[in-house]
Amino acid sequence: MTRYDDAVAAIDGAISTVTVWCDQVRQDAEQRMGVPAGAESVIGDPRYLEALEIRHDLTVLRGRLTDPRNGF
């Protein structure tokens, strides 16, 4: 495995971990707000928004890292 492969694997692992964390933050928001599971109202929860933004940033980073136009 090359350092590049290590970097991609690390980002993939981070995305997986953050995805689970996002779900946990969503569930916490549902409980705090007293809404049923899957309620769209949690989308406005600041903690949930931040978690989703972090996941998005990691996904974008992975896209940049694996984009063949970047020559990696």
Protein backbone atom coordinates (compact mmCIF):
# COMPACT_ATOMS: atom_id res chain seq x y z
CA MET A 1 0.00 0.00 0.00
CA THR A 2 1.28 3.45 -0.89
CA ARG A 3 0.98 6.60 1.16
CA TYR A 4 -1.71 7.71 -1.30
CA ASP A 5 -3.70 4.54 -0.59
CA ASP A 6 -3.19 5.11 3.13
CA ALA A 7 -4.56 8.64 2.78
CA VAL A 8 -7.64 7.50 0.84
CA ALA A 9 -8.27 4.71 3.36
CA ALA A 10 -7.93 7.17 6.25
CA ILE A 11 -10.44 9.55 4.67
CA ASP A 12 -12.82 6.63 4.02
CA GLY A 13 -12.51 5.60 7.67
CA ALA A 14 -13.13 9.16 8.81
CA ILE A 15 -16.23 9.42 6.59
CA SER A 16 -17.58 6.17 8.06
CA THR A 17 -16.95 7.32 11.61
CA VAL A 18 -18.46 10.76 11.03
CA THR A 19 -21.50 9.19 9.32
CA VAL A 20 -22.21 7.14 12.46
CA TRP A 21 -21.61 10.25 14.58
CA CYS A 22 -24.05 12.25 12.40
CA ASP A 23 -26.70 9.63 13.04
CA GLN A 24 -26.04 9.86 16.76
CA VAL A 25 -26.26 13.67 16.69
CA ARG A 26 -29.53 13.41 14.73
CA GLN A 27 -30.98 11.00 17.28
CA ASP A 28 -29.90 13.29 20.11
CA ALA A 29 -31.57 16.23 18.36
CA GLU A 30 -34.77 14.24 17.91
CA GLN A 31 -34.81 13.44 21.62
CA ARG A 32 -34.03 17.04 22.65
CA MET A 33 -36.74 18.38 20.36
CA GLY A 34 -39.22 15.66 21.32
CA VAL A 35 -39.94 14.71 17.72
CA PRO A 36 -40.34 11.24 16.21
CA ALA A 37 -37.43 9.47 14.52
CA GLY A 38 -36.85 10.74 11.00
CA ALA A 39 -38.56 14.06 11.60
CA GLU A 40 -37.37 16.72 9.17
CA SER A 41 -37.48 19.37 11.87
CA VAL A 42 -34.08 18.25 13.18
CA ILE A 43 -32.49 19.55 9.98
CA GLY A 44 -32.47 23.00 11.60
CA ASP A 45 -30.63 21.79 14.71
CA PRO A 46 -27.24 23.61 14.82
CA ARG A 47 -25.34 20.57 16.11
CA TYR A 48 -26.78 18.37 13.39
CA LEU A 49 -25.99 20.97 10.73
CA GLU A 50 -22.38 21.15 11.93
CA ALA A 51 -22.06 17.35 11.87
CA LEU A 52 -23.44 17.22 8.33
CA GLU A 53 -21.07 19.99 7.25
CA ILE A 54 -18.07 18.09 8.62
CA ARG A 55 -19.19 14.94 6.78
CA HIS A 56 -19.62 16.97 3.59
CA ASP A 57 -16.15 18.49 3.96
CA LEU A 58 -14.62 15.01 4.28
CA THR A 59 -16.53 13.80 1.25
CA VAL A 60 -15.31 16.77 -0.78
CA LEU A 61 -11.75 16.13 0.40
CA ARG A 62 -12.00 12.50 -0.73
CA GLY A 63 -13.34 13.66 -4.09
CA ARG A 64 -10.42 16.02 -4.55
CA LEU A 65 -7.96 13.34 -3.51
CA THR A 66 -9.33 10.75 -5.93
CA ASP A 67 -10.02 13.09 -8.86
CA PRO A 68 -7.72 11.97 -11.68
CA ARG A 69 -7.43 15.56 -12.91
CA ASN A 70 -5.37 16.34 -9.81
CA GLY A 71 -2.69 13.88 -10.89
CA PHE A 72 -2.35 11.89 -7.68
